[in-house]
């Protein structure tokens, strides 16, 4: 069987590379490796360095892969991404964060969350927020965590936590410039990516998602002057708020007023007036007399 397999590979007349990652038992692959034709090369990786002598087949060379030193890590972080520059202090903070959470499960948790974020704006603060949320659960199963990439219910929980983490870190922008304007830019990128995903239905009525719509709308309106999606953002915010509160509620009234004000600013005063009247009537119902 092994000979037939090797002959089949040789007939292909292609350069082929086999990778045996995290190999544990040399006996399982030794016969295959020895009989491979000349057009096939192999890479065998092992985590346990004590096993390296078990994987010497023929004249192959063993290369010992060692962890980078702290200074090498800093140099790598500062040069790996040409779009995003880390200074010495930022690189050291990132290394310390990784070192503190070096267990495989926490590394995997960070990586699976980062899939849904803007890769150019993943800050140390958002990583800390994710880890804080995840560490509240003391029982961690790495195999179960890996299912989250395939299992819809687990993916929904992951996205729900991520929406909450971004909402917690992103400041709400107001029309007067302040320190929040600069801080909000990083989290705006993540929030924008999240709300434009095809989010599971279970998250569509999420309070944190409602707040993200509001924060993104105010960022677009007051900082980058992008009015293309303002109505959609404010209406989505209002739609979710309405599902959270039955009947009259101050947050519902405020969300209606935001929609009305936006229609008015964009030139549709009549439609804006309808929303603002509805908001005013709700406020009057909630607060009797002068308020």
C-alpha atoms as a PDB file:
ATOM      1  CA  UNK A   1       0.000   0.000   0.000  1.00  0.00           C
ATOM      2  CA  UNK A   2       2.837   2.396   0.913  1.00  0.00           C
ATOM      3  CA  UNK A   3       4.666   1.568  -2.350  1.00  0.00           C
ATOM      4  CA  UNK A   4       1.552   2.235  -4.434  1.00  0.00           C
ATOM      5  CA  UNK A   5       1.045   5.553  -2.664  1.00  0.00           C
ATOM      6  CA  UNK A   6       4.660   6.596  -3.276  1.00  0.00           C
ATOM      7  CA  UNK A   7       4.459   5.620  -6.949  1.00  0.00           C
ATOM      8  CA  UNK A   8       1.297   7.674  -7.347  1.00  0.00           C
ATOM      9  CA  UNK A   9       3.060  10.731  -5.926  1.00  0.00           C
ATOM     10  CA  UNK A  10       6.035  10.250  -8.224  1.00  0.00           C
ATOM     11  CA  UNK A  11       3.830   9.963 -11.322  1.00  0.00           C
ATOM     12  CA  UNK A  12       2.312  13.374 -10.524  1.00  0.00           C
ATOM     13  CA  UNK A  13       5.664  15.005 -11.424  1.00  0.00           C
ATOM     14  CA  UNK A  14       4.945  17.851  -9.000  1.00  0.00           C
ATOM     15  CA  UNK A  15       6.983  19.196  -6.108  1.00  0.00           C
ATOM     16  CA  UNK A  16       4.996  18.186  -3.049  1.00  0.00           C
ATOM     17  CA  UNK A  17       5.392  19.214   0.585  1.00  0.00           C
ATOM     18  CA  UNK A  18       3.931  17.151   3.439  1.00  0.00           C
ATOM     19  CA  UNK A  19       3.676  18.810   6.861  1.00  0.00           C
ATOM     20  CA  UNK A  20       3.247  16.660   9.959  1.00  0.00           C
ATOM     21  CA  UNK A  21       2.382  19.231  12.599  1.00  0.00           C
ATOM     22  CA  UNK A  22       2.806  18.496  16.312  1.00  0.00           C
ATOM     23  CA  UNK A  23       3.818  14.883  15.669  1.00  0.00           C
ATOM     24  CA  UNK A  24       3.922  12.648  18.740  1.00  0.00           C
ATOM     25  CA  UNK A  25       4.697   9.126  17.480  1.00  0.00           C
ATOM     26  CA  UNK A  26       7.475   8.494  14.967  1.00  0.00           C
ATOM     27  CA  UNK A  27       6.311   4.940  14.277  1.00  0.00           C
ATOM     28  CA  UNK A  28       3.080   6.204  12.723  1.00  0.00           C
ATOM     29  CA  UNK A  29       4.861   8.089   9.945  1.00  0.00           C
ATOM     30  CA  UNK A  30       8.316   6.509   9.647  1.00  0.00           C
ATOM     31  CA  UNK A  31       7.398   3.976   6.942  1.00  0.00           C
ATOM     32  CA  UNK A  32       5.661   6.622   4.880  1.00  0.00           C
ATOM     33  CA  UNK A  33       8.570   9.064   5.161  1.00  0.00           C
ATOM     34  CA  UNK A  34      11.237   6.518   4.216  1.00  0.00           C
ATOM     35  CA  UNK A  35       9.416   5.438   1.034  1.00  0.00           C
ATOM     36  CA  UNK A  36       8.583   8.882  -0.325  1.00  0.00           C
ATOM     37  CA  UNK A  37       9.875   9.681  -3.843  1.00  0.00           C
ATOM     38  CA  UNK A  38      12.402  12.437  -4.573  1.00  0.00           C
ATOM     39  CA  UNK A  39       9.760  14.971  -5.596  1.00  0.00           C
ATOM     40  CA  UNK A  40       8.309  14.973  -2.072  1.00  0.00           C
ATOM     41  CA  UNK A  41       9.713  16.854   0.909  1.00  0.00           C
ATOM     42  CA  UNK A  42       8.463  16.769   4.498  1.00  0.00           C
ATOM     43  CA  UNK A  43       8.370  19.059   7.497  1.00  0.00           C
ATOM     44  CA  UNK A  44       7.801  17.482  10.897  1.00  0.00           C
ATOM     45  CA  UNK A  45       7.130  19.724  13.902  1.00  0.00           C
ATOM     46  CA  UNK A  46       7.168  18.594  17.518  1.00  0.00           C
ATOM     47  CA  UNK A  47       6.421  20.466  20.730  1.00  0.00           C
ATOM     48  CA  UNK A  48       8.404  18.091  22.932  1.00  0.00           C
ATOM     49  CA  UNK A  49      12.072  18.653  22.082  1.00  0.00           C
ATOM     50  CA  UNK A  50      13.019  15.393  23.823  1.00  0.00           C
ATOM     51  CA  UNK A  51      11.405  13.487  20.945  1.00  0.00           C
ATOM     52  CA  UNK A  52      13.531  14.993  18.173  1.00  0.00           C
ATOM     53  CA  UNK A  53      15.886  11.994  17.936  1.00  0.00           C
ATOM     54  CA  UNK A  54      12.883   9.726  17.274  1.00  0.00           C
ATOM     55  CA  UNK A  55      12.189  11.511  13.987  1.00  0.00           C
ATOM     56  CA  UNK A  56      15.552  11.096  12.255  1.00  0.00           C
ATOM     57  CA  UNK A  57      14.776   9.386   8.951  1.00  0.00           C
ATOM     58  CA  UNK A  58      17.744   9.093   6.587  1.00  0.00           C
ATOM     59  CA  UNK A  59      19.904  12.202   6.184  1.00  0.00           C
ATOM     60  CA  UNK A  60      17.316  14.839   7.070  1.00  0.00           C
ATOM     61  CA  UNK A  61      18.353  17.778   9.224  1.00  0.00           C
ATOM     62  CA  UNK A  62      16.760  18.742  12.526  1.00  0.00           C
ATOM     63  CA  UNK A  63      16.297  22.452  13.167  1.00  0.00           C
ATOM     64  CA  UNK A  64      15.559  23.441  16.736  1.00  0.00           C
ATOM     65  CA  UNK A  65      12.978  26.219  16.801  1.00  0.00           C
ATOM     66  CA  UNK A  66      13.476  28.393  19.862  1.00  0.00           C
ATOM     67  CA  UNK A  67      11.156  31.097  21.233  1.00  0.00           C
ATOM     68  CA  UNK A  68      12.106  34.655  20.358  1.00  0.00           C
ATOM     69  CA  UNK A  69      13.835  36.651  23.046  1.00  0.00           C
ATOM     70  CA  UNK A  70      12.032  39.701  24.458  1.00  0.00           C
ATOM     71  CA  UNK A  71      14.152  42.069  22.361  1.00  0.00           C
ATOM     72  CA  UNK A  72      13.494  39.969  19.234  1.00  0.00           C
ATOM     73  CA  UNK A  73       9.751  40.064  19.950  1.00  0.00           C
ATOM     74  CA  UNK A  74       9.828  43.854  20.268  1.00  0.00           C
ATOM     75  CA  UNK A  75      11.740  44.176  16.993  1.00  0.00           C
ATOM     76  CA  UNK A  76       9.274  41.855  15.244  1.00  0.00           C
ATOM     77  CA  UNK A  77       6.203  43.739  16.532  1.00  0.00           C
ATOM     78  CA  UNK A  78       7.663  47.075  15.462  1.00  0.00           C
ATOM     79  CA  UNK A  79       8.396  45.883  11.917  1.00  0.00           C
ATOM     80  CA  UNK A  80       5.739  43.288  11.077  1.00  0.00           C
ATOM     81  CA  UNK A  81       3.026  45.706   9.956  1.00  0.00           C
ATOM     82  CA  UNK A  82       3.977  48.660   7.773  1.00  0.00           C
ATOM     83  CA  UNK A  83       0.516  50.215   8.130  1.00  0.00           C
ATOM     84  CA  UNK A  84       0.567  50.267  11.910  1.00  0.00           C
ATOM     85  CA  UNK A  85       3.581  51.388  13.923  1.00  0.00           C
ATOM     86  CA  UNK A  86       4.275  50.351  17.518  1.00  0.00           C
ATOM     87  CA  UNK A  87       6.715  52.346  19.626  1.00  0.00           C
ATOM     88  CA  UNK A  88       8.930  50.641  22.217  1.00  0.00           C
ATOM     89  CA  UNK A  89       6.460  51.190  25.073  1.00  0.00           C
ATOM     90  CA  UNK A  90       3.465  49.853  23.094  1.00  0.00           C
ATOM     91  CA  UNK A  91       5.397  46.768  21.969  1.00  0.00           C
ATOM     92  CA  UNK A  92       6.448  45.985  25.540  1.00  0.00           C
ATOM     93  CA  UNK A  93       2.858  46.344  26.797  1.00  0.00           C
ATOM     94  CA  UNK A  94       1.654  43.918  24.127  1.00  0.00           C
ATOM     95  CA  UNK A  95       4.336  41.384  25.054  1.00  0.00           C
ATOM     96  CA  UNK A  96       3.442  41.659  28.744  1.00  0.00           C
ATOM     97  CA  UNK A  97      -0.223  41.073  27.932  1.00  0.00           C
ATOM     98  CA  UNK A  98       0.594  37.961  25.906  1.00  0.00           C
ATOM     99  CA  UNK A  99       2.989  36.706  28.584  1.00  0.00           C
ATOM    100  CA  UNK A 100       0.342  37.114  31.288  1.00  0.00           C
ATOM    101  CA  UNK A 101      -2.156  35.129  29.204  1.00  0.00           C
ATOM    102  CA  UNK A 102       0.159  32.626  27.552  1.00  0.00           C
ATOM    103  CA  UNK A 103      -2.107  29.603  28.095  1.00  0.00           C
ATOM    104  CA  UNK A 104      -3.174  28.138  24.762  1.00  0.00           C
ATOM    105  CA  UNK A 105      -6.859  28.643  25.470  1.00  0.00           C
ATOM    106  CA  UNK A 106      -6.513  32.390  26.081  1.00  0.00           C
ATOM    107  CA  UNK A 107      -4.374  32.828  22.965  1.00  0.00           C
ATOM    108  CA  UNK A 108      -7.012  30.991  20.958  1.00  0.00           C
ATOM    109  CA  UNK A 109      -9.796  33.077  22.496  1.00  0.00           C
ATOM    110  CA  UNK A 110      -8.046  36.273  21.469  1.00  0.00           C
ATOM    111  CA  UNK A 111      -7.411  35.055  17.927  1.00  0.00           C
ATOM    112  CA  UNK A 112     -10.991  33.875  17.342  1.00  0.00           C
ATOM    113  CA  UNK A 113     -12.368  37.243  18.538  1.00  0.00           C
ATOM    114  CA  UNK A 114      -9.924  39.190  16.384  1.00  0.00           C
ATOM    115  CA  UNK A 115     -11.363  37.568  13.249  1.00  0.00           C
ATOM    116  CA  UNK A 116     -14.362  39.873  13.591  1.00  0.00           C
ATOM    117  CA  UNK A 117     -12.411  43.068  14.347  1.00  0.00           C
ATOM    118  CA  UNK A 118     -10.586  45.485  12.081  1.00  0.00           C
ATOM    119  CA  UNK A 119      -7.084  43.989  12.039  1.00  0.00           C
ATOM    120  CA  UNK A 120      -5.441  47.415  11.635  1.00  0.00           C
ATOM    121  CA  UNK A 121      -6.952  48.833  14.831  1.00  0.00           C
ATOM    122  CA  UNK A 122      -6.762  46.029  17.413  1.00  0.00           C
ATOM    123  CA  UNK A 123      -5.561  47.865  20.514  1.00  0.00           C
ATOM    124  CA  UNK A 124      -4.194  46.485  23.760  1.00  0.00           C
ATOM    125  CA  UNK A 125      -7.244  47.866  25.580  1.00  0.00           C
ATOM    126  CA  UNK A 126      -9.723  45.872  23.493  1.00  0.00           C
ATOM    127  CA  UNK A 127      -7.657  42.706  24.003  1.00  0.00           C
ATOM    128  CA  UNK A 128      -7.762  43.293  27.759  1.00  0.00           C
ATOM    129  CA  UNK A 129     -11.523  43.841  27.588  1.00  0.00           C
ATOM    130  CA  UNK A 130     -11.982  40.520  25.753  1.00  0.00           C
ATOM    131  CA  UNK A 131      -9.793  38.661  28.244  1.00  0.00           C
ATOM    132  CA  UNK A 132     -11.598  40.211  31.217  1.00  0.00           C
ATOM    133  CA  UNK A 133     -14.908  39.023  29.811  1.00  0.00           C
ATOM    134  CA  UNK A 134     -13.560  35.542  29.052  1.00  0.00           C
ATOM    135  CA  UNK A 135     -11.782  34.973  32.367  1.00  0.00           C
ATOM    136  CA  UNK A 136     -15.051  35.372  34.265  1.00  0.00           C
ATOM    137  CA  UNK A 137     -15.681  31.775  33.169  1.00  0.00           C
ATOM    138  CA  UNK A 138     -13.301  29.562  35.159  1.00  0.00           C
ATOM    139  CA  UNK A 139     -14.121  26.329  33.329  1.00  0.00           C
ATOM    140  CA  UNK A 140     -12.461  26.453  29.922  1.00  0.00           C
ATOM    141  CA  UNK A 141     -12.385  23.657  27.354  1.00  0.00           C
ATOM    142  CA  UNK A 142     -10.105  24.377  24.383  1.00  0.00           C
ATOM    143  CA  UNK A 143     -11.893  21.844  22.157  1.00  0.00           C
ATOM    144  CA  UNK A 144     -15.236  23.470  22.899  1.00  0.00           C
ATOM    145  CA  UNK A 145     -13.765  26.885  22.201  1.00  0.00           C
ATOM    146  CA  UNK A 146     -12.601  25.751  18.757  1.00  0.00           C
ATOM    147  CA  UNK A 147     -16.155  24.701  17.918  1.00  0.00           C
ATOM    148  CA  UNK A 148     -17.189  28.364  18.065  1.00  0.00           C
ATOM    149  CA  UNK A 149     -15.846  28.909  14.566  1.00  0.00           C
ATOM    150  CA  UNK A 150     -18.285  26.323  13.187  1.00  0.00           C
ATOM    151  CA  UNK A 151     -21.129  26.071  15.705  1.00  0.00           C
ATOM    152  CA  UNK A 152     -23.663  28.856  15.119  1.00  0.00           C
ATOM    153  CA  UNK A 153     -24.838  29.014  18.749  1.00  0.00           C
ATOM    154  CA  UNK A 154     -21.280  29.317  20.051  1.00  0.00           C
ATOM    155  CA  UNK A 155     -20.447  31.861  17.356  1.00  0.00           C
ATOM    156  CA  UNK A 156     -23.479  33.895  18.433  1.00  0.00           C
ATOM    157  CA  UNK A 157     -22.246  33.967  22.036  1.00  0.00           C
ATOM    158  CA  UNK A 158     -18.792  35.001  20.851  1.00  0.00           C
ATOM    159  CA  UNK A 159     -20.167  37.874  18.771  1.00  0.00           C
ATOM    160  CA  UNK A 160     -22.442  38.941  21.612  1.00  0.00           C
ATOM    161  CA  UNK A 161     -19.448  39.207  23.958  1.00  0.00           C
ATOM    162  CA  UNK A 162     -17.485  41.070  21.304  1.00  0.00           C
ATOM    163  CA  UNK A 163     -20.280  43.593  20.701  1.00  0.00           C
ATOM    164  CA  UNK A 164     -20.394  44.191  24.460  1.00  0.00           C
ATOM    165  CA  UNK A 165     -16.607  44.614  24.684  1.00  0.00           C
ATOM    166  CA  UNK A 166     -16.507  47.178  21.854  1.00  0.00           C
ATOM    167  CA  UNK A 167     -19.515  49.025  23.288  1.00  0.00           C
ATOM    168  CA  UNK A 168     -17.836  49.193  26.699  1.00  0.00           C
ATOM    169  CA  UNK A 169     -14.687  50.747  25.234  1.00  0.00           C
ATOM    170  CA  UNK A 170     -16.137  53.135  22.638  1.00  0.00           C
ATOM    171  CA  UNK A 171     -17.103  56.570  23.929  1.00  0.00           C
ATOM    172  CA  UNK A 172     -20.260  58.322  22.792  1.00  0.00           C
ATOM    173  CA  UNK A 173     -19.314  61.336  20.681  1.00  0.00           C
ATOM    174  CA  UNK A 174     -20.864  64.755  21.167  1.00  0.00           C
ATOM    175  CA  UNK A 175     -20.730  67.787  18.875  1.00  0.00           C
ATOM    176  CA  UNK A 176     -18.121  69.575  21.008  1.00  0.00           C
ATOM    177  CA  UNK A 177     -14.550  68.258  20.488  1.00  0.00           C
ATOM    178  CA  UNK A 178     -12.914  66.556  23.478  1.00  0.00           C
ATOM    179  CA  UNK A 179     -10.547  63.705  24.293  1.00  0.00           C
ATOM    180  CA  UNK A 180     -13.169  61.110  23.422  1.00  0.00           C
ATOM    181  CA  UNK A 181     -12.924  62.005  19.745  1.00  0.00           C
ATOM    182  CA  UNK A 182      -9.426  60.540  19.402  1.00  0.00           C
ATOM    183  CA  UNK A 183     -10.131  57.496  21.589  1.00  0.00           C
ATOM    184  CA  UNK A 184     -13.298  56.653  19.680  1.00  0.00           C
ATOM    185  CA  UNK A 185     -11.582  56.239  16.310  1.00  0.00           C
ATOM    186  CA  UNK A 186     -10.041  52.847  17.160  1.00  0.00           C
ATOM    187  CA  UNK A 187     -13.294  51.369  18.419  1.00  0.00           C
ATOM    188  CA  UNK A 188     -15.317  52.975  15.630  1.00  0.00           C
ATOM    189  CA  UNK A 189     -13.499  50.739  13.132  1.00  0.00           C
ATOM    190  CA  UNK A 190     -14.412  47.616  15.088  1.00  0.00           C
ATOM    191  CA  UNK A 191     -18.005  48.738  15.665  1.00  0.00           C
ATOM    192  CA  UNK A 192     -18.433  49.566  11.971  1.00  0.00           C
ATOM    193  CA  UNK A 193     -17.203  46.109  10.958  1.00  0.00           C
ATOM    194  CA  UNK A 194     -19.479  44.376  13.483  1.00  0.00           C
ATOM    195  CA  UNK A 195     -22.707  46.158  12.550  1.00  0.00           C
ATOM    196  CA  UNK A 196     -22.109  45.530   8.849  1.00  0.00           C
ATOM    197  CA  UNK A 197     -21.764  41.789   9.359  1.00  0.00           C
ATOM    198  CA  UNK A 198     -24.621  39.370   8.887  1.00  0.00           C
ATOM    199  CA  UNK A 199     -25.166  39.085  12.639  1.00  0.00           C
ATOM    200  CA  UNK A 200     -27.274  36.205  13.997  1.00  0.00           C
ATOM    201  CA  UNK A 201     -30.893  37.067  14.761  1.00  0.00           C
ATOM    202  CA  UNK A 202     -30.295  36.560  18.487  1.00  0.00           C
ATOM    203  CA  UNK A 203     -28.031  39.623  18.544  1.00  0.00           C
ATOM    204  CA  UNK A 204     -30.367  41.840  16.533  1.00  0.00           C
ATOM    205  CA  UNK A 205     -32.236  42.842  19.713  1.00  0.00           C
ATOM    206  CA  UNK A 206     -29.102  43.303  21.792  1.00  0.00           C
ATOM    207  CA  UNK A 207     -28.889  46.442  23.936  1.00  0.00           C
ATOM    208  CA  UNK A 208     -25.137  46.823  23.316  1.00  0.00           C
ATOM    209  CA  UNK A 209     -25.748  46.635  19.573  1.00  0.00           C
ATOM    210  CA  UNK A 210     -28.361  49.371  19.888  1.00  0.00           C
ATOM    211  CA  UNK A 211     -25.808  51.568  21.657  1.00  0.00           C
ATOM    212  CA  UNK A 212     -23.197  50.858  18.971  1.00  0.00           C
ATOM    213  CA  UNK A 213     -25.607  52.050  16.272  1.00  0.00           C
ATOM    214  CA  UNK A 214     -26.071  55.267  18.243  1.00  0.00           C
ATOM    215  CA  UNK A 215     -22.335  55.783  18.791  1.00  0.00           C
ATOM    216  CA  UNK A 216     -21.488  55.140  15.150  1.00  0.00           C
ATOM    217  CA  UNK A 217     -24.194  57.521  13.991  1.00  0.00           C
ATOM    218  CA  UNK A 218     -22.851  60.304  16.217  1.00  0.00           C
ATOM    219  CA  UNK A 219     -19.281  59.605  15.095  1.00  0.00           C
ATOM    220  CA  UNK A 220     -20.293  59.803  11.425  1.00  0.00           C
ATOM    221  CA  UNK A 221     -22.314  62.942  12.018  1.00  0.00           C
ATOM    222  CA  UNK A 222     -19.910  64.936  14.190  1.00  0.00           C
ATOM    223  CA  UNK A 223     -16.422  63.814  13.166  1.00  0.00           C
ATOM    224  CA  UNK A 224     -16.257  62.476   9.609  1.00  0.00           C
ATOM    225  CA  UNK A 225     -19.429  64.170   8.318  1.00  0.00           C
ATOM    226  CA  UNK A 226     -20.642  61.033   6.600  1.00  0.00           C
ATOM    227  CA  UNK A 227     -24.431  61.293   6.383  1.00  0.00           C
ATOM    228  CA  UNK A 228     -25.064  58.379   3.998  1.00  0.00           C
ATOM    229  CA  UNK A 229     -26.142  55.909   6.672  1.00  0.00           C
ATOM    230  CA  UNK A 230     -27.282  58.176   9.500  1.00  0.00           C
ATOM    231  CA  UNK A 231     -30.964  57.385   9.040  1.00  0.00           C
ATOM    232  CA  UNK A 232     -30.274  53.642   8.955  1.00  0.00           C
ATOM    233  CA  UNK A 233     -28.150  53.773  12.114  1.00  0.00           C
ATOM    234  CA  UNK A 234     -30.600  55.880  14.107  1.00  0.00           C
ATOM    235  CA  UNK A 235     -33.582  53.815  12.917  1.00  0.00           C
ATOM    236  CA  UNK A 236     -31.834  50.544  13.815  1.00  0.00           C
ATOM    237  CA  UNK A 237     -31.065  51.972  17.239  1.00  0.00           C
ATOM    238  CA  UNK A 238     -34.710  52.946  17.712  1.00  0.00           C
ATOM    239  CA  UNK A 239     -35.970  49.583  16.463  1.00  0.00           C
ATOM    240  CA  UNK A 240     -33.904  47.666  19.023  1.00  0.00           C
ATOM    241  CA  UNK A 241     -34.788  50.058  21.850  1.00  0.00           C
ATOM    242  CA  UNK A 242     -38.487  49.523  21.130  1.00  0.00           C
ATOM    243  CA  UNK A 243     -38.059  45.757  21.487  1.00  0.00           C
ATOM    244  CA  UNK A 244     -36.376  46.236  24.869  1.00  0.00           C
ATOM    245  CA  UNK A 245     -39.080  48.431  26.425  1.00  0.00           C
ATOM    246  CA  UNK A 246     -42.843  48.001  26.201  1.00  0.00           C
ATOM    247  CA  UNK A 247     -44.885  51.140  25.794  1.00  0.00           C
ATOM    248  CA  UNK A 248     -43.543  54.557  26.723  1.00  0.00           C
ATOM    249  CA  UNK A 249     -39.948  54.832  27.894  1.00  0.00           C
ATOM    250  CA  UNK A 250     -37.450  57.737  27.938  1.00  0.00           C
ATOM    251  CA  UNK A 251     -34.922  55.796  25.808  1.00  0.00           C
ATOM    252  CA  UNK A 252     -37.594  55.051  23.202  1.00  0.00           C
ATOM    253  CA  UNK A 253     -38.583  58.714  23.095  1.00  0.00           C
ATOM    254  CA  UNK A 254     -34.964  59.821  22.725  1.00  0.00           C
ATOM    255  CA  UNK A 255     -34.374  57.323  19.926  1.00  0.00           C
ATOM    256  CA  UNK A 256     -37.446  58.616  18.057  1.00  0.00           C
ATOM    257  CA  UNK A 257     -36.238  62.175  18.520  1.00  0.00           C
ATOM    258  CA  UNK A 258     -32.817  61.240  17.077  1.00  0.00           C
ATOM    259  CA  UNK A 259     -34.469  59.818  13.964  1.00  0.00           C
ATOM    260  CA  UNK A 260     -36.678  62.881  13.581  1.00  0.00           C
ATOM    261  CA  UNK A 261     -33.801  65.327  14.034  1.00  0.00           C
ATOM    262  CA  UNK A 262     -31.748  63.461  11.422  1.00  0.00           C
ATOM    263  CA  UNK A 263     -34.529  63.535   8.839  1.00  0.00           C
ATOM    264  CA  UNK A 264     -34.892  67.271   9.499  1.00  0.00           C
ATOM    265  CA  UNK A 265     -31.135  67.895   9.094  1.00  0.00           C
ATOM    266  CA  UNK A 266     -31.085  65.927   5.844  1.00  0.00           C
ATOM    267  CA  UNK A 267     -33.873  67.992   4.325  1.00  0.00           C
ATOM    268  CA  UNK A 268     -37.033  65.958   4.990  1.00  0.00           C
ATOM    269  CA  UNK A 269     -38.624  68.244   7.567  1.00  0.00           C
ATOM    270  CA  UNK A 270     -42.099  66.719   7.215  1.00  0.00           C
ATOM    271  CA  UNK A 271     -40.989  63.181   8.029  1.00  0.00           C
ATOM    272  CA  UNK A 272     -38.724  64.496  10.748  1.00  0.00           C
ATOM    273  CA  UNK A 273     -41.681  66.282  12.319  1.00  0.00           C
ATOM    274  CA  UNK A 274     -43.663  63.012  12.513  1.00  0.00           C
ATOM    275  CA  UNK A 275     -40.961  61.322  14.579  1.00  0.00           C
ATOM    276  CA  UNK A 276     -40.399  64.363  16.794  1.00  0.00           C
ATOM    277  CA  UNK A 277     -44.103  64.728  17.516  1.00  0.00           C
ATOM    278  CA  UNK A 278     -44.248  61.047  18.473  1.00  0.00           C
ATOM    279  CA  UNK A 279     -41.262  61.556  20.760  1.00  0.00           C
ATOM    280  CA  UNK A 280     -42.802  64.683  22.318  1.00  0.00           C
ATOM    281  CA  UNK A 281     -46.077  62.907  23.041  1.00  0.00           C
ATOM    282  CA  UNK A 282     -44.219  60.058  24.715  1.00  0.00           C
ATOM    283  CA  UNK A 283     -42.231  62.481  26.871  1.00  0.00           C
ATOM    284  CA  UNK A 284     -45.471  64.233  27.907  1.00  0.00           C
ATOM    285  CA  UNK A 285     -46.967  60.881  28.809  1.00  0.00           C
ATOM    286  CA  UNK A 286     -43.946  60.029  30.929  1.00  0.00           C
ATOM    287  CA  UNK A 287     -43.505  63.369  32.661  1.00  0.00           C
ATOM    288  CA  UNK A 288     -46.522  65.300  33.850  1.00  0.00           C
ATOM    289  CA  UNK A 289     -46.371  69.070  34.196  1.00  0.00           C
ATOM    290  CA  UNK A 290     -43.089  70.928  33.901  1.00  0.00           C
ATOM    291  CA  UNK A 291     -39.985  68.803  33.473  1.00  0.00           C
END
